[in-house]
Amino acid sequence: MQDLHNYTVGGTIHVIVNNQIAFTTSPNRGRSAVYCSDLAKAIDAPILHVNADSLEDVTFAFEVAAEYR
């Protein structure tokens, strides 16, 4: 759909916040990679890891992502 006239969005921004999947299991059994965002490496997407407790850093990361998009 993204290649159809009037349907392009110019890209999307995916946000992962406070991801605690498998935080009660050992890392080698709970996930297949170190970070949940490692899947984005398969499509060569940029990944920004930011401390969500720092609003300035989050704002900066969103500005960088929006400009890249």
Protein backbone atom coordinates (compact mmCIF):
# COMPACT_ATOMS: atom_id res chain seq x y z
CA MET A 1 0.00 0.00 0.00
CA GLN A 2 2.84 2.42 0.75
CA ASP A 3 3.78 2.67 -2.92
CA LEU A 4 0.27 3.60 -4.07
CA HIS A 5 -0.43 7.22 -4.91
CA ASN A 6 -1.88 9.14 -1.90
CA TYR A 7 -1.16 6.27 0.51
CA THR A 8 2.47 6.90 1.44
CA VAL A 9 3.33 7.89 4.97
CA GLY A 10 7.06 8.42 4.49
CA GLY A 11 7.93 5.80 7.09
CA THR A 12 6.87 4.98 10.62
CA ILE A 13 8.40 5.40 14.04
CA HIS A 14 8.08 2.45 16.44
CA VAL A 15 8.48 3.12 20.15
CA ILE A 16 9.34 0.47 22.75
CA VAL A 17 9.08 1.71 26.32
CA ASN A 18 9.90 -0.20 29.51
CA ASN A 19 9.94 -3.56 27.78
CA GLN A 20 10.13 -6.23 30.46
CA ILE A 21 9.30 -9.31 28.44
CA ALA A 22 10.78 -12.36 30.16
CA PHE A 23 12.16 -10.34 33.07
CA THR A 24 11.47 -13.28 35.42
CA THR A 25 13.42 -15.82 33.34
CA SER A 26 17.05 -16.08 32.46
CA PRO A 27 18.02 -14.08 29.35
CA ASN A 28 19.04 -17.15 27.35
CA ARG A 29 15.57 -18.70 27.78
CA GLY A 30 13.39 -15.60 27.62
CA ARG A 31 14.49 -14.02 24.36
CA SER A 32 16.38 -14.78 21.20
CA ALA A 33 18.40 -11.54 21.27
CA VAL A 34 19.80 -9.09 23.81
CA TYR A 35 17.34 -6.30 22.94
CA CYS A 36 13.75 -6.51 21.74
CA SER A 37 14.64 -4.02 19.03
CA ASP A 38 17.23 -6.37 17.48
CA LEU A 39 14.60 -7.44 14.96
CA ALA A 40 14.92 -4.00 13.33
CA LYS A 41 18.48 -4.91 12.34
CA ALA A 42 17.04 -7.34 9.78
CA ILE A 43 15.59 -4.44 7.77
CA ASP A 44 18.48 -2.05 8.43
CA ALA A 45 16.29 0.34 10.42
CA PRO A 46 17.96 2.85 12.73
CA ILE A 47 17.61 2.04 16.44
CA LEU A 48 17.85 4.62 19.21
CA HIS A 49 18.18 3.34 22.78
CA VAL A 50 17.19 6.04 25.25
CA ASN A 51 16.62 6.16 29.01
CA ALA A 52 12.88 6.88 29.25
CA ASP A 53 13.41 8.59 32.62
CA SER A 54 15.24 11.45 30.90
CA LEU A 55 12.69 13.59 29.07
CA GLU A 56 15.38 15.64 27.36
CA ASP A 57 16.94 12.51 25.88
CA VAL A 58 13.56 11.15 24.79
CA THR A 59 12.67 14.46 23.13
CA PHE A 60 16.02 14.55 21.35
CA ALA A 61 15.59 10.94 20.14
CA PHE A 62 12.12 11.71 18.77
CA GLU A 63 13.42 14.80 16.98
CA VAL A 64 16.24 12.76 15.41
CA ALA A 65 13.78 10.00 14.40
CA ALA A 66 11.29 12.46 12.91
CA GLU A 67 14.01 14.22 10.92
CA TYR A 68 15.40 10.89 9.68
CA ARG A 69 11.92 9.75 8.69
